[in-house]
Protein backbone atom coordinates (compact mmCIF):
# COMPACT_ATOMS: atom_id res chain seq x y z
CA HIS A 1 43.40 -38.98 -66.92
CA THR A 2 39.35 -39.29 -66.11
CA ALA A 3 38.01 -42.74 -63.89
CA THR A 4 34.62 -43.74 -64.65
CA LEU A 5 32.28 -46.21 -63.13
CA TYR A 6 30.42 -48.08 -65.50
CA LYS A 7 28.48 -51.55 -63.83
CA ASP A 8 31.38 -53.37 -62.20
CA GLN A 9 34.08 -51.75 -64.30
CA ILE A 10 36.50 -49.20 -63.90
CA LEU A 11 37.05 -47.00 -67.74
CA ILE A 12 40.22 -45.04 -67.32
CA PHE A 13 40.91 -42.66 -70.73
CA GLY A 14 44.30 -40.29 -71.76
CA GLY A 15 45.66 -38.48 -68.87
CA GLY A 16 49.76 -38.41 -68.40
CA ASP A 17 52.91 -35.43 -67.62
CA THR A 18 53.42 -31.96 -68.94
CA SER A 19 55.43 -34.54 -71.48
CA THR A 20 53.09 -36.89 -73.28
CA VAL A 21 49.41 -37.33 -72.83
CA PHE A 22 48.22 -40.64 -73.98
CA ASN A 23 44.36 -41.52 -75.58
CA ASP A 24 44.46 -44.94 -74.24
CA VAL A 25 41.56 -46.85 -72.81
CA HIS A 26 42.27 -48.73 -69.71
CA ILE A 27 39.58 -51.15 -68.18
CA PHE A 28 39.55 -52.31 -64.92
CA ASP A 29 37.63 -55.20 -63.38
CA ILE A 30 36.65 -55.13 -60.35
CA ALA A 31 35.35 -58.61 -59.64
CA LYS A 32 37.73 -60.22 -61.42
CA SER A 33 40.85 -57.76 -60.26
CA LYS A 34 42.32 -57.84 -64.06
CA TRP A 35 43.09 -55.05 -66.13
CA ARG A 36 42.82 -54.30 -70.07
CA GLN A 37 43.49 -52.35 -72.44
CA ILE A 38 41.01 -51.88 -75.71
CA THR A 39 42.69 -50.85 -78.86
CA ASP A 40 40.41 -50.84 -81.59
CA ILE A 41 37.95 -47.57 -80.93
CA GLY A 42 36.63 -46.00 -83.80
CA ASN A 43 37.33 -42.20 -84.24
CA ARG A 44 39.61 -41.97 -80.79
CA PRO A 45 39.20 -38.63 -79.41
CA THR A 46 43.20 -36.84 -79.38
CA PRO A 47 45.58 -37.23 -76.72
CA ARG A 48 44.45 -35.30 -73.71
CA ALA A 49 45.07 -34.30 -69.83
CA GLY A 50 42.98 -32.81 -68.03
CA HIS A 51 39.56 -33.83 -69.65
CA SER A 52 36.70 -34.47 -67.49
CA ALA A 53 34.58 -37.48 -68.71
CA SER A 54 30.54 -38.10 -67.73
CA LEU A 55 28.69 -41.25 -68.30
CA GLU A 56 24.99 -41.33 -69.11
CA GLY A 57 23.73 -44.94 -70.29
CA ASP A 58 26.19 -46.74 -71.65
CA ARG A 59 27.63 -43.48 -73.26
CA ILE A 60 30.78 -41.70 -71.54
CA PHE A 61 31.30 -38.24 -72.59
CA PHE A 62 34.91 -36.36 -73.06
CA PHE A 63 35.11 -32.80 -72.18
CA GLY A 64 38.12 -31.12 -72.96
CA GLY A 65 41.38 -31.10 -72.04
CA GLY A 66 45.19 -30.26 -73.22
CA ASN A 67 48.17 -31.74 -75.12
CA GLU A 68 51.50 -31.64 -73.74
CA GLU A 69 52.30 -28.38 -75.65
CA GLY A 70 50.19 -26.40 -73.54
CA ASP A 71 47.31 -26.28 -76.28
CA ILE A 72 43.14 -26.23 -74.58
CA TYR A 73 40.67 -27.95 -76.33
CA ASN A 74 37.25 -27.15 -76.10
CA ASP A 75 35.67 -30.57 -77.83
CA LEU A 76 32.90 -32.78 -76.77
CA TYR A 77 33.06 -36.75 -77.21
CA LEU A 78 31.00 -39.67 -77.34
CA LEU A 79 32.21 -42.84 -76.27
CA ASP A 80 29.72 -45.61 -76.86
CA ILE A 81 31.04 -48.34 -74.61
CA THR A 82 28.69 -51.19 -75.94
CA VAL A 83 30.56 -50.90 -78.92
CA PHE A 84 34.00 -48.73 -78.45
CA ASP A 85 32.63 -46.27 -81.08
CA SER A 86 33.79 -43.06 -80.69
CA SER A 87 32.62 -39.47 -82.06
CA GLU A 88 33.33 -36.14 -81.54
CA LEU A 89 30.20 -33.92 -81.18
CA LYS A 90 29.52 -30.91 -82.43
CA THR A 91 28.25 -27.91 -80.24
CA GLU A 92 27.13 -24.30 -81.34
CA SER A 93 30.26 -22.72 -79.11
CA GLU A 94 32.67 -24.92 -80.28
CA ILE A 95 36.02 -22.62 -80.76
CA ASP A 96 38.88 -23.70 -82.13
CA THR A 97 41.94 -25.22 -80.08
CA ILE A 98 43.10 -22.58 -78.09
CA SER A 99 46.78 -21.79 -77.25
CA ALA A 100 48.42 -21.11 -74.24
CA GLY A 101 50.11 -18.20 -75.41
CA SER A 102 53.39 -17.35 -76.30
CA ASP A 103 56.30 -17.22 -74.16
CA GLU A 104 55.92 -13.55 -73.28
CA GLU A 105 52.31 -13.99 -72.33
CA MET A 106 53.23 -16.72 -70.32
CA ASN A 107 56.09 -14.58 -68.23
CA GLU A 108 53.33 -11.87 -68.24
CA LEU A 109 50.96 -13.96 -66.31
CA GLU A 110 53.92 -16.18 -63.88
CA MET A 111 55.49 -12.22 -63.13
CA ASP A 112 50.75 -11.30 -62.29
CA ARG A 113 50.95 -14.04 -60.15
CA ARG A 114 54.27 -13.63 -58.49
CA ASP A 115 53.37 -9.93 -57.81
CA ARG A 116 50.19 -10.87 -56.64
CA GLU A 117 51.64 -13.12 -53.99
CA VAL A 118 53.97 -10.87 -52.92
CA SER A 119 51.18 -8.19 -52.16
CA GLU A 120 49.46 -10.85 -50.02
CA LEU A 121 52.48 -11.38 -48.37
CA GLN A 122 53.20 -7.99 -47.58
CA ALA A 123 49.91 -7.72 -46.42
CA LEU A 124 50.01 -10.51 -44.32
CA GLU A 125 53.02 -8.59 -42.75
CA SER A 126 51.62 -5.83 -42.06
CA LEU A 127 49.00 -7.23 -40.17
CA VAL A 128 51.18 -9.94 -38.52
CA ALA A 129 53.15 -6.12 -37.68
CA ASP A 130 49.95 -4.55 -36.23
CA LEU A 131 49.22 -7.44 -33.71
CA LYS A 132 52.57 -7.44 -32.70
CA PHE A 133 51.62 -3.49 -31.62
CA THR A 134 49.02 -4.70 -30.54
CA MET A 135 49.73 -7.20 -28.30
CA LEU A 136 52.83 -4.62 -26.61
CA LYS A 137 50.48 -2.41 -26.21
CA GLN A 138 48.15 -4.47 -24.30
CA ASP A 139 51.36 -5.83 -22.37
CA GLN A 140 52.04 -2.06 -21.74
CA ILE A 141 48.76 -1.83 -20.25
CA VAL A 142 48.51 -4.75 -18.00
CA LYS A 143 51.73 -3.67 -16.38
CA ALA A 144 50.91 -0.16 -15.66
CA THR A 145 47.19 -1.55 -14.44
CA VAL A 146 49.72 -3.99 -12.02
CA ARG A 147 51.67 -1.04 -10.81
CA ASN A 148 48.56 0.83 -10.00
CA ILE A 149 47.16 -2.06 -8.36
CA GLU A 150 50.41 -2.97 -6.31
CA SER A 151 50.74 1.06 -5.29
CA GLN A 152 47.09 1.38 -4.03
CA LEU A 153 47.50 -2.34 -2.27
CA THR A 154 50.95 -0.37 -0.82
CA GLN A 155 48.62 2.19 0.35
CA LEU A 156 46.09 0.41 2.08
CA LYS A 157 48.70 -1.96 3.78
CA MET A 158 50.26 1.86 5.04
CA THR A 159 46.90 2.86 5.93
CA HIS A 160 46.08 -0.18 7.87
CA GLN A 161 49.21 -0.22 9.56
CA LYS A 162 48.65 3.60 10.58
CA THR A 163 44.98 3.05 11.66
CA GLN A 164 46.52 0.21 13.95
CA GLN A 165 48.92 2.30 15.22
CA GLN A 166 46.29 4.92 16.08
CA THR A 167 44.13 3.08 17.86
CA GLN A 168 46.98 0.43 20.17
CA THR A 169 47.93 4.69 21.26
CA SER A 170 44.26 5.35 21.46
CA LEU A 171 43.69 2.32 23.95
CA LYS A 172 47.11 3.15 25.80
CA ILE A 173 45.74 6.30 26.48
CA MET A 174 42.62 5.27 27.44
CA ASP A 175 44.28 2.59 29.83
CA ALA A 176 45.97 5.14 31.22
CA PHE A 177 43.20 7.42 31.92
CA ILE A 178 41.34 4.64 33.51
CA THR A 179 44.28 3.56 35.49
CA GLY A 180 44.08 7.35 36.47
CA LEU A 181 40.55 7.50 37.38
CA LYS A 182 40.77 4.13 39.22
CA LEU A 183 43.88 5.44 41.53
CA LYS A 184 41.51 8.83 42.34
CA ALA A 185 38.40 6.96 43.13
CA ASN A 186 41.10 4.98 45.75
CA LYS A 187 42.09 7.75 47.84
């Protein structure tokens, strides 16, 4: 359906579901919070859903839509709200009602849509697999880097310990040498 705001009213036209469409006109009075149905409209548009509506002054234009049988309309109606009279407008580019197509055509369209969805899904799955592989590689690189840093740290600790041991050994040798010199000097 369409809902068109006109002054302090909302005009509802048409609509429906897959089994039934309507060409009813209902008006909701916003100020009074009341509904009313308009039944006496001249040249009422055929029942339809999925159409569009546009307000221009006191006129509403209804374009297109379709019926429950799958026919799609390419027509234009004008509804004069002041007198509730409707007329079909002929346009230069008007074409006949377009059939939604045979069951075979619809099945082919549905299969094409499904094929596109499968292709998109496969592309997404491939992307996810690539991301997982990249993350695995990055994880391996990080682990290798950590192992390398740990190895370097262990080497530094060992070098530090050797340096401390050498320093202590050098200090002991120097201490013994000084003690020897002192003993010679006291004799």
